[in-house]
N, C-alpha and C. Protein backbone atom coordinates (compact mmCIF):
# COMPACT_ATOMS: atom_id res chain seq x y z
N UNK A 1 2.68 -19.62 -5.76
CA UNK A 1 2.83 -19.60 -7.20
C UNK A 1 3.38 -18.25 -7.62
N UNK A 2 4.44 -18.24 -8.34
CA UNK A 2 5.03 -17.01 -8.83
C UNK A 2 4.70 -16.87 -10.31
N UNK A 3 4.32 -15.65 -10.68
CA UNK A 3 4.03 -15.38 -12.08
C UNK A 3 4.79 -14.13 -12.48
N UNK A 4 5.05 -14.01 -13.75
CA UNK A 4 5.70 -12.82 -14.26
C UNK A 4 4.79 -12.22 -15.31
N UNK A 5 4.48 -10.97 -15.12
CA UNK A 5 3.61 -10.28 -16.06
C UNK A 5 4.38 -9.12 -16.67
N UNK A 6 4.02 -8.79 -17.86
CA UNK A 6 4.62 -7.63 -18.50
C UNK A 6 3.75 -6.42 -18.18
N UNK A 7 4.36 -5.44 -17.53
CA UNK A 7 3.62 -4.23 -17.19
C UNK A 7 3.48 -3.36 -18.44
N UNK A 8 2.34 -2.73 -18.57
CA UNK A 8 2.09 -1.88 -19.73
C UNK A 8 1.48 -0.56 -19.28
N UNK A 9 1.79 0.49 -20.02
CA UNK A 9 1.14 1.78 -19.82
C UNK A 9 -0.30 1.65 -20.31
N UNK A 10 -1.18 2.58 -19.89
CA UNK A 10 -2.58 2.49 -20.34
C UNK A 10 -2.74 2.46 -21.86
N UNK A 11 -1.84 3.11 -22.59
CA UNK A 11 -1.97 3.10 -24.05
C UNK A 11 -1.38 1.84 -24.69
N UNK A 12 -0.94 0.88 -23.87
CA UNK A 12 -0.47 -0.39 -24.38
C UNK A 12 1.03 -0.51 -24.55
N UNK A 13 1.77 0.60 -24.42
CA UNK A 13 3.22 0.51 -24.53
C UNK A 13 3.77 -0.33 -23.40
N UNK A 14 4.75 -1.13 -23.69
CA UNK A 14 5.38 -1.98 -22.69
C UNK A 14 6.32 -1.13 -21.82
N UNK A 15 6.26 -1.34 -20.50
CA UNK A 15 7.14 -0.57 -19.61
C UNK A 15 8.00 -1.47 -18.75
N UNK A 16 8.05 -2.76 -19.03
CA UNK A 16 8.93 -3.64 -18.29
C UNK A 16 8.21 -4.79 -17.65
N UNK A 17 8.96 -5.68 -17.04
CA UNK A 17 8.38 -6.84 -16.38
C UNK A 17 8.15 -6.53 -14.92
N UNK A 18 7.04 -6.97 -14.40
CA UNK A 18 6.71 -6.76 -13.00
C UNK A 18 6.46 -8.11 -12.35
N UNK A 19 7.28 -8.50 -11.38
CA UNK A 19 7.01 -9.78 -10.71
C UNK A 19 5.77 -9.68 -9.84
N UNK A 20 5.02 -10.72 -9.76
CA UNK A 20 3.83 -10.76 -8.90
C UNK A 20 3.83 -12.09 -8.18
N UNK A 21 3.34 -12.08 -6.97
CA UNK A 21 3.28 -13.31 -6.18
C UNK A 21 1.83 -13.56 -5.83
N UNK A 22 1.31 -14.72 -6.19
CA UNK A 22 -0.05 -15.08 -5.81
C UNK A 22 0.01 -15.70 -4.42
N UNK A 23 -0.72 -15.14 -3.49
CA UNK A 23 -0.68 -15.60 -2.10
C UNK A 23 -2.10 -15.88 -1.61
N UNK A 24 -2.20 -16.76 -0.67
CA UNK A 24 -3.47 -16.98 0.00
C UNK A 24 -3.63 -15.96 1.12
N UNK A 25 -4.88 -15.54 1.45
CA UNK A 25 -5.06 -14.61 2.55
C UNK A 25 -4.44 -15.17 3.83
N UNK A 26 -3.77 -14.31 4.57
CA UNK A 26 -3.16 -14.72 5.82
C UNK A 26 -1.82 -15.40 5.65
N UNK A 27 -1.33 -15.50 4.42
CA UNK A 27 -0.06 -16.16 4.16
C UNK A 27 1.08 -15.35 4.76
N UNK A 28 2.09 -16.02 5.21
CA UNK A 28 3.24 -15.36 5.80
C UNK A 28 4.22 -14.91 4.73
N UNK A 29 5.05 -13.91 5.08
CA UNK A 29 6.15 -13.50 4.22
C UNK A 29 7.11 -14.68 4.12
N UNK A 30 7.83 -14.76 3.03
CA UNK A 30 8.87 -15.78 2.95
C UNK A 30 10.23 -15.12 2.88
N UNK A 31 11.26 -15.91 3.05
CA UNK A 31 12.63 -15.37 3.10
C UNK A 31 13.01 -14.63 1.82
N UNK A 32 12.49 -15.05 0.68
CA UNK A 32 12.86 -14.43 -0.59
C UNK A 32 11.97 -13.28 -1.01
N UNK A 33 11.09 -12.83 -0.13
CA UNK A 33 10.15 -11.76 -0.47
C UNK A 33 10.90 -10.48 -0.80
N UNK A 34 10.70 -9.95 -2.01
CA UNK A 34 11.39 -8.73 -2.40
C UNK A 34 10.47 -7.63 -2.90
N UNK A 35 9.19 -7.93 -3.07
CA UNK A 35 8.29 -6.92 -3.61
C UNK A 35 6.88 -7.10 -3.03
N UNK A 36 6.19 -5.99 -2.84
CA UNK A 36 4.79 -6.00 -2.46
C UNK A 36 4.07 -5.22 -3.55
N UNK A 37 3.51 -5.92 -4.51
CA UNK A 37 2.94 -5.31 -5.70
C UNK A 37 1.46 -5.01 -5.49
N UNK A 38 1.08 -3.76 -5.73
CA UNK A 38 -0.32 -3.36 -5.68
C UNK A 38 -0.81 -3.19 -7.11
N UNK A 39 -1.96 -3.75 -7.42
CA UNK A 39 -2.55 -3.62 -8.74
C UNK A 39 -3.93 -3.00 -8.58
N UNK A 40 -4.17 -1.89 -9.27
CA UNK A 40 -5.43 -1.18 -9.15
C UNK A 40 -6.04 -0.99 -10.53
N UNK A 41 -7.35 -0.99 -10.57
CA UNK A 41 -8.06 -0.69 -11.81
C UNK A 41 -8.18 0.81 -11.99
N UNK A 42 -8.66 1.24 -13.14
CA UNK A 42 -8.83 2.67 -13.40
C UNK A 42 -9.79 3.30 -12.39
N UNK A 43 -9.48 4.51 -11.96
CA UNK A 43 -10.32 5.29 -11.04
C UNK A 43 -10.58 4.58 -9.72
N UNK A 44 -9.68 3.75 -9.29
CA UNK A 44 -9.83 3.02 -8.03
C UNK A 44 -9.56 3.97 -6.86
N UNK A 45 -10.49 4.01 -5.91
CA UNK A 45 -10.33 4.89 -4.74
C UNK A 45 -9.06 4.56 -3.98
N UNK A 46 -8.72 3.30 -3.85
CA UNK A 46 -7.53 2.91 -3.10
C UNK A 46 -6.27 3.46 -3.77
N UNK A 47 -6.23 3.43 -5.08
CA UNK A 47 -5.08 4.00 -5.81
C UNK A 47 -4.96 5.49 -5.52
N UNK A 48 -6.08 6.19 -5.54
CA UNK A 48 -6.06 7.63 -5.26
C UNK A 48 -5.57 7.90 -3.83
N UNK A 49 -6.00 7.08 -2.86
CA UNK A 49 -5.51 7.24 -1.49
C UNK A 49 -4.01 7.02 -1.41
N UNK A 50 -3.50 6.04 -2.15
CA UNK A 50 -2.05 5.81 -2.17
C UNK A 50 -1.31 7.03 -2.71
N UNK A 51 -1.84 7.64 -3.76
CA UNK A 51 -1.18 8.83 -4.33
C UNK A 51 -1.22 10.01 -3.37
N UNK A 52 -2.36 10.22 -2.72
CA UNK A 52 -2.48 11.30 -1.73
C UNK A 52 -1.49 11.07 -0.59
N UNK A 53 -1.43 9.84 -0.11
CA UNK A 53 -0.52 9.48 0.97
C UNK A 53 0.93 9.72 0.56
N UNK A 54 1.31 9.23 -0.61
CA UNK A 54 2.67 9.41 -1.12
C UNK A 54 3.03 10.89 -1.23
N UNK A 55 2.15 11.66 -1.85
CA UNK A 55 2.44 13.07 -2.06
C UNK A 55 2.53 13.82 -0.73
N UNK A 56 1.68 13.46 0.23
CA UNK A 56 1.74 14.10 1.55
C UNK A 56 3.08 13.82 2.21
N UNK A 57 3.52 12.58 2.18
CA UNK A 57 4.79 12.23 2.81
C UNK A 57 5.97 12.94 2.14
N UNK A 58 5.89 13.14 0.85
CA UNK A 58 6.97 13.84 0.15
C UNK A 58 7.09 15.29 0.61
N UNK A 59 5.99 15.89 1.01
CA UNK A 59 6.00 17.30 1.41
C UNK A 59 5.99 17.53 2.91
N UNK A 60 5.86 16.49 3.71
CA UNK A 60 5.78 16.61 5.18
C UNK A 60 6.74 15.61 5.81
N UNK A 61 7.97 16.06 5.97
CA UNK A 61 9.04 15.16 6.39
C UNK A 61 8.85 14.60 7.80
N UNK A 62 8.21 15.36 8.69
CA UNK A 62 7.95 14.83 10.04
C UNK A 62 7.03 13.61 9.96
N UNK A 63 5.95 13.72 9.17
CA UNK A 63 5.05 12.58 8.99
C UNK A 63 5.77 11.43 8.31
N UNK A 64 6.61 11.75 7.33
CA UNK A 64 7.36 10.70 6.63
C UNK A 64 8.23 9.92 7.62
N UNK A 65 8.92 10.64 8.49
CA UNK A 65 9.82 9.99 9.45
C UNK A 65 9.04 9.18 10.49
N UNK A 66 7.90 9.72 10.95
CA UNK A 66 7.05 8.98 11.90
C UNK A 66 6.52 7.69 11.26
N UNK A 67 6.08 7.80 10.01
CA UNK A 67 5.56 6.62 9.32
C UNK A 67 6.66 5.59 9.10
N UNK A 68 7.85 6.04 8.72
CA UNK A 68 8.97 5.12 8.52
C UNK A 68 9.29 4.38 9.82
N UNK A 69 9.27 5.11 10.94
CA UNK A 69 9.54 4.47 12.24
C UNK A 69 8.46 3.46 12.58
N UNK A 70 7.19 3.79 12.29
CA UNK A 70 6.08 2.85 12.57
C UNK A 70 6.20 1.61 11.69
N UNK A 71 6.57 1.78 10.43
CA UNK A 71 6.77 0.62 9.54
C UNK A 71 7.87 -0.29 10.08
N UNK A 72 8.96 0.31 10.55
CA UNK A 72 10.05 -0.51 11.09
C UNK A 72 9.60 -1.27 12.34
N UNK A 73 8.85 -0.57 13.23
CA UNK A 73 8.32 -1.25 14.42
C UNK A 73 7.39 -2.39 14.04
N UNK A 74 6.47 -2.11 13.12
CA UNK A 74 5.50 -3.13 12.70
C UNK A 74 6.20 -4.32 12.06
N UNK A 75 7.23 -4.06 11.27
CA UNK A 75 7.97 -5.16 10.63
C UNK A 75 8.71 -5.99 11.67
N UNK A 76 9.30 -5.32 12.66
CA UNK A 76 10.03 -6.04 13.71
C UNK A 76 9.07 -6.86 14.58
N UNK A 77 7.89 -6.30 14.86
CA UNK A 77 6.90 -6.98 15.70
C UNK A 77 6.19 -8.12 14.98
N UNK A 78 6.10 -8.04 13.65
CA UNK A 78 5.30 -9.00 12.87
C UNK A 78 6.07 -9.49 11.65
N UNK A 79 7.21 -10.13 11.83
CA UNK A 79 8.02 -10.49 10.67
C UNK A 79 7.39 -11.53 9.75
N UNK A 80 6.42 -12.29 10.21
CA UNK A 80 5.86 -13.36 9.38
C UNK A 80 4.38 -13.21 9.09
N UNK A 81 3.80 -12.06 9.43
CA UNK A 81 2.37 -11.87 9.17
C UNK A 81 2.13 -10.51 8.52
N UNK A 82 1.80 -10.52 7.24
CA UNK A 82 1.50 -9.29 6.52
C UNK A 82 0.26 -8.64 7.12
N UNK A 83 -0.73 -9.43 7.49
CA UNK A 83 -1.96 -8.89 8.06
C UNK A 83 -1.70 -8.16 9.37
N UNK A 84 -0.92 -8.76 10.25
CA UNK A 84 -0.60 -8.11 11.53
C UNK A 84 0.24 -6.86 11.31
N UNK A 85 1.17 -6.92 10.40
CA UNK A 85 1.99 -5.76 10.04
C UNK A 85 1.10 -4.62 9.57
N UNK A 86 0.17 -4.90 8.67
CA UNK A 86 -0.74 -3.87 8.16
C UNK A 86 -1.64 -3.31 9.25
N UNK A 87 -2.16 -4.20 10.12
CA UNK A 87 -3.02 -3.73 11.22
C UNK A 87 -2.26 -2.78 12.14
N UNK A 88 -1.01 -3.10 12.43
CA UNK A 88 -0.25 -2.28 13.36
C UNK A 88 0.01 -0.88 12.82
N UNK A 89 0.22 -0.74 11.53
CA UNK A 89 0.52 0.58 10.99
C UNK A 89 -0.72 1.32 10.48
N UNK A 90 -1.89 0.69 10.55
CA UNK A 90 -3.13 1.29 10.02
C UNK A 90 -3.47 2.61 10.70
N UNK A 91 -3.31 2.69 12.00
CA UNK A 91 -3.62 3.93 12.72
C UNK A 91 -2.78 5.10 12.24
N UNK A 92 -1.50 4.86 12.02
CA UNK A 92 -0.61 5.91 11.51
C UNK A 92 -1.04 6.37 10.13
N UNK A 93 -1.40 5.41 9.29
CA UNK A 93 -1.84 5.75 7.93
C UNK A 93 -3.10 6.61 7.98
N UNK A 94 -4.08 6.21 8.80
CA UNK A 94 -5.32 6.99 8.89
C UNK A 94 -5.07 8.39 9.42
N UNK A 95 -4.20 8.53 10.41
CA UNK A 95 -3.88 9.86 10.94
C UNK A 95 -3.27 10.74 9.85
N UNK A 96 -2.36 10.19 9.07
CA UNK A 96 -1.72 10.96 8.02
C UNK A 96 -2.72 11.33 6.93
N UNK A 97 -3.58 10.39 6.54
CA UNK A 97 -4.59 10.70 5.52
C UNK A 97 -5.55 11.78 5.99
N UNK A 98 -5.89 11.78 7.28
CA UNK A 98 -6.75 12.85 7.81
C UNK A 98 -6.04 14.20 7.71
N UNK A 99 -4.76 14.24 8.08
CA UNK A 99 -4.00 15.49 7.97
C UNK A 99 -3.89 15.94 6.52
N UNK A 100 -3.89 14.98 5.60
CA UNK A 100 -3.82 15.30 4.17
C UNK A 100 -5.17 15.77 3.62
N UNK A 101 -6.21 15.73 4.47
CA UNK A 101 -7.51 16.25 4.07
C UNK A 101 -8.55 15.21 3.72
N UNK A 102 -8.23 13.94 3.79
CA UNK A 102 -9.21 12.90 3.48
C UNK A 102 -10.17 12.73 4.64
N UNK A 103 -11.41 12.55 4.31
CA UNK A 103 -12.45 12.29 5.30
C UNK A 103 -13.27 11.11 4.83
N UNK A 104 -13.84 10.33 5.75
CA UNK A 104 -14.70 9.21 5.33
C UNK A 104 -15.89 9.73 4.53
N UNK A 105 -16.32 8.92 3.58
CA UNK A 105 -17.51 9.27 2.80
C UNK A 105 -18.72 9.26 3.73
N UNK A 106 -19.67 10.17 3.51
CA UNK A 106 -20.88 10.14 4.34
C UNK A 106 -21.63 8.85 4.19
N UNK A 107 -22.27 8.42 5.26
CA UNK A 107 -23.07 7.19 5.21
C UNK A 107 -24.28 7.41 4.31
N UNK A 108 -24.72 6.34 3.73
CA UNK A 108 -25.91 6.44 2.87
C UNK A 108 -25.72 5.56 1.64
N UNK A 109 -26.72 5.53 0.80
CA UNK A 109 -26.65 4.68 -0.39
C UNK A 109 -25.57 5.17 -1.35
N UNK A 110 -24.89 4.22 -1.98
CA UNK A 110 -23.90 4.56 -2.99
C UNK A 110 -24.57 4.73 -4.32
N UNK A 111 -24.00 5.57 -5.12
CA UNK A 111 -24.55 5.77 -6.47
C UNK A 111 -23.71 5.12 -7.50
């Protein structure tokens, strides 16, 4: 199912249309796939990790090039499985996030 949503800035101003694709878990890529849209809520830890990762790659070209090569390998090895593609590149992402200073949260109860 394809849906089209209007993207908005937090203050409600319209910033354009963003295509979104509703997929079932484990669904394969299709021939017309052109976007991988991430949607995060406010103060989402995953969004912050994406920003840290992006900013690190912008300032560390060796890591950027290694990650780009890993993405190409993962895409070639797993052309029809997003899950397998993500699993294959996960180690590279974790290594880069560690170099960027991220550490796992200590174990224990969440507040």
